[in-house]
Structure formats: C-alpha cells, structure tokens
Amino acid sequence: MLQQPLKFILLWLLPLIASANYVHWLGDYDSALQKAHHEHKPLLVLVIKKDLSLCNTIIKNQLMNQSYIEQINQKMIPVIVTYEGSLNYPVEMYYTTIFPALFFVDSSKELFLREPLYGDEIKEEVLKKIISTLQ
C-alpha cells in the first residue's frame, strides 16, 4: 500500500503526466538516493507543501514542457517530497520554510552542489543555466 504523501503526489501529477513532457519524479527519497549512487548522478530534490498553489504553479510552468526537461531526466535523479511527509526524507538536510524548494545534491557525498532555489527563484533561465553546468 502506498504511503499517504506518495498517493497525494501521484494523484496530483497523473493528469499532468498524461499530456506533458515532464520530469520523471521519484516519490521515495531513499530509492532515489540509491539510484543516484548506482548511476553516479546528482539528486534533484523538490520539497513541496501540500495545497500550496505556488508549488503547483512552479511544477506546471517550470518543470513541465520546457526544453531542459530531457536534460534533467538524463543528468539527474529527480525526487519530489512533501513537507508534510517529512519522515520520507532527511528533513534536517533539506530544512526550509519556503516552498517549493529545489535542491541540487551530490549523491555520493550528500552535499549541495549549489545554493537551493526557493519559491519564485525557480525560473526557466536559472534552471537552464544550472542544468547546463552539470556533467
């Protein structure tokens, strides 16, 4: 049986997935970390807060149907977690009071590759620049 936060994420994303070029989000932090270790890729961790419209807007406008989505899927292991489901990820590492929050993490050392992006800082031009600098 799926955990409640994962159910929320899947039900919320299903309509969007059907018709979009989308980030291939994983919903379990530990699985994403293991996959990132195995594939020698960084983690892209998106922390959202349930029922916050800005989170929905950022996902829809910046993380779907953009030219860099394919690069995200190729270069990183993306994982989406909910703040309310903080037992599913190391909340002390990804602590934030601003949502959504986007973290770029070296999976082997679990260190930040750069400063996180928060809320309206998550923009197309910023994401393009960051993604282009990743190996």
Protein backbone atom coordinates (compact mmCIF):
# COMPACT_ATOMS: atom_id res chain seq x y z
CA MET A 1 0.00 0.00 0.00
CA LEU A 2 1.31 3.43 -0.92
CA GLN A 3 2.10 5.89 1.80
CA GLN A 4 -0.23 8.89 2.06
CA PRO A 5 2.22 11.55 0.75
CA LEU A 6 3.11 9.39 -2.24
CA LYS A 7 -0.58 8.86 -3.02
CA PHE A 8 -1.10 12.61 -2.91
CA ILE A 9 1.80 13.25 -5.27
CA LEU A 10 0.75 10.57 -7.75
CA LEU A 11 -2.90 11.61 -7.83
CA TRP A 12 -1.90 15.22 -8.21
CA LEU A 13 0.57 14.57 -11.03
CA LEU A 14 -1.43 11.98 -13.03
CA PRO A 15 -3.43 14.45 -15.14
CA LEU A 16 -0.28 16.40 -15.90
CA ILE A 17 1.70 13.30 -16.84
CA ALA A 18 -0.78 12.22 -19.49
CA SER A 19 -0.17 15.18 -21.77
CA ALA A 20 3.22 16.66 -20.99
CA ASN A 21 6.96 16.43 -21.35
CA TYR A 22 7.62 16.00 -17.66
CA VAL A 23 10.35 15.34 -15.14
CA HIS A 24 10.42 11.66 -14.19
CA TRP A 25 9.95 12.23 -10.46
CA LEU A 26 10.55 9.50 -7.94
CA GLY A 27 8.44 9.70 -4.81
CA ASP A 28 10.73 7.94 -2.37
CA TYR A 29 13.90 9.71 -1.24
CA ASP A 30 15.79 6.57 -0.20
CA SER A 31 15.12 4.85 -3.54
CA ALA A 32 16.15 7.98 -5.42
CA LEU A 33 19.38 8.24 -3.42
CA GLN A 34 20.23 4.59 -4.12
CA LYS A 35 19.51 5.05 -7.83
CA ALA A 36 21.63 8.22 -7.92
CA HIS A 37 24.53 6.37 -6.24
CA HIS A 38 24.22 3.48 -8.68
CA GLU A 39 24.05 5.74 -11.75
CA HIS A 40 26.62 8.28 -10.43
CA LYS A 41 24.20 11.18 -10.89
CA PRO A 42 23.26 14.10 -8.68
CA LEU A 43 19.90 14.32 -6.96
CA LEU A 44 17.35 16.98 -7.80
CA VAL A 45 15.20 17.26 -4.67
CA LEU A 46 11.97 19.23 -4.84
CA VAL A 47 10.31 19.85 -1.48
CA ILE A 48 6.71 20.95 -1.80
CA LYS A 49 3.98 21.81 0.65
CA LYS A 50 0.58 20.25 0.16
CA ASP A 51 -2.16 22.59 -1.02
CA LEU A 52 0.19 25.48 -1.77
CA SER A 53 -0.69 26.97 -5.16
CA LEU A 54 2.84 28.25 -5.82
CA CYS A 55 4.11 24.65 -5.72
CA ASN A 56 1.55 23.65 -8.36
CA THR A 57 2.41 26.68 -10.50
CA ILE A 58 6.18 26.06 -10.39
CA ILE A 59 5.77 22.40 -11.33
CA LYS A 60 3.39 23.20 -14.15
CA ASN A 61 5.25 26.21 -15.56
CA GLN A 62 8.93 25.46 -14.88
CA LEU A 63 9.16 21.69 -14.57
CA MET A 64 6.93 20.60 -17.45
CA ASN A 65 7.05 21.17 -21.21
CA GLN A 66 10.36 23.01 -21.07
CA SER A 67 13.38 22.45 -23.32
CA TYR A 68 15.56 21.38 -20.37
CA ILE A 69 13.27 18.60 -19.06
CA GLU A 70 15.05 15.94 -21.11
CA GLN A 71 18.40 17.08 -19.68
CA ILE A 72 17.03 16.86 -16.14
CA ASN A 73 15.90 13.30 -16.80
CA GLN A 74 19.26 12.37 -18.35
CA LYS A 75 21.65 14.14 -15.96
CA MET A 76 19.90 13.86 -12.58
CA ILE A 77 17.73 11.66 -10.42
CA PRO A 78 14.72 13.83 -9.55
CA VAL A 79 12.75 13.18 -6.37
CA ILE A 80 9.72 15.06 -5.12
CA VAL A 81 8.84 15.02 -1.44
CA THR A 82 6.17 16.72 0.59
CA TYR A 83 6.97 18.76 3.65
CA GLU A 84 4.10 17.07 5.44
CA GLY A 85 5.69 13.68 4.70
CA SER A 86 8.97 14.66 6.36
CA LEU A 87 9.53 11.11 7.60
CA ASN A 88 10.23 10.18 3.96
CA TYR A 89 13.40 12.27 3.59
CA PRO A 90 16.15 13.76 5.78
CA VAL A 91 14.30 16.90 6.77
CA GLU A 92 17.33 18.19 8.71
CA MET A 93 19.32 18.25 5.45
CA TYR A 94 16.57 19.82 3.36
CA TYR A 95 15.15 22.12 6.00
CA THR A 96 13.17 25.00 4.60
CA THR A 97 10.30 27.29 5.48
CA ILE A 98 9.87 28.48 1.88
CA PHE A 99 8.08 26.28 -0.63
CA PRO A 100 8.70 24.95 -3.13
CA ALA A 101 12.40 24.43 -2.53
CA LEU A 102 14.70 22.89 -5.12
CA PHE A 103 17.99 21.31 -4.01
CA PHE A 104 20.86 20.13 -6.23
CA VAL A 105 22.79 17.45 -4.36
CA ASP A 106 25.94 15.40 -4.95
CA SER A 107 24.56 11.94 -4.23
CA SER A 108 27.87 10.34 -3.30
CA LYS A 109 28.73 12.90 -0.60
CA GLU A 110 25.21 14.21 0.07
CA LEU A 111 26.50 17.77 -0.24
CA PHE A 112 24.82 20.65 -2.04
CA LEU A 113 26.22 21.35 -5.48
CA ARG A 114 24.93 24.91 -5.27
CA GLU A 115 22.59 27.08 -3.21
CA PRO A 116 18.99 25.84 -3.29
CA LEU A 117 16.29 27.69 -5.19
CA TYR A 118 13.19 28.80 -3.30
CA GLY A 119 9.72 29.75 -4.50
CA ASP A 120 9.79 32.28 -7.33
CA GLU A 121 13.56 31.82 -7.76
CA ILE A 122 12.75 28.60 -9.65
CA LYS A 123 12.67 30.09 -13.15
CA GLU A 124 13.36 28.83 -16.64
CA GLU A 125 16.53 30.87 -17.24
CA VAL A 126 18.01 29.89 -13.86
CA LEU A 127 17.23 26.21 -14.36
CA LYS A 128 18.70 26.22 -17.88
CA LYS A 129 21.93 27.73 -16.58
CA ILE A 130 22.25 25.30 -13.68
CA ILE A 131 21.44 22.22 -15.74
CA SER A 132 23.92 23.18 -18.44
CA THR A 133 26.72 23.28 -15.87
CA LEU A 134 26.07 19.75 -14.61
CA GLN A 135 28.18 16.97 -16.07
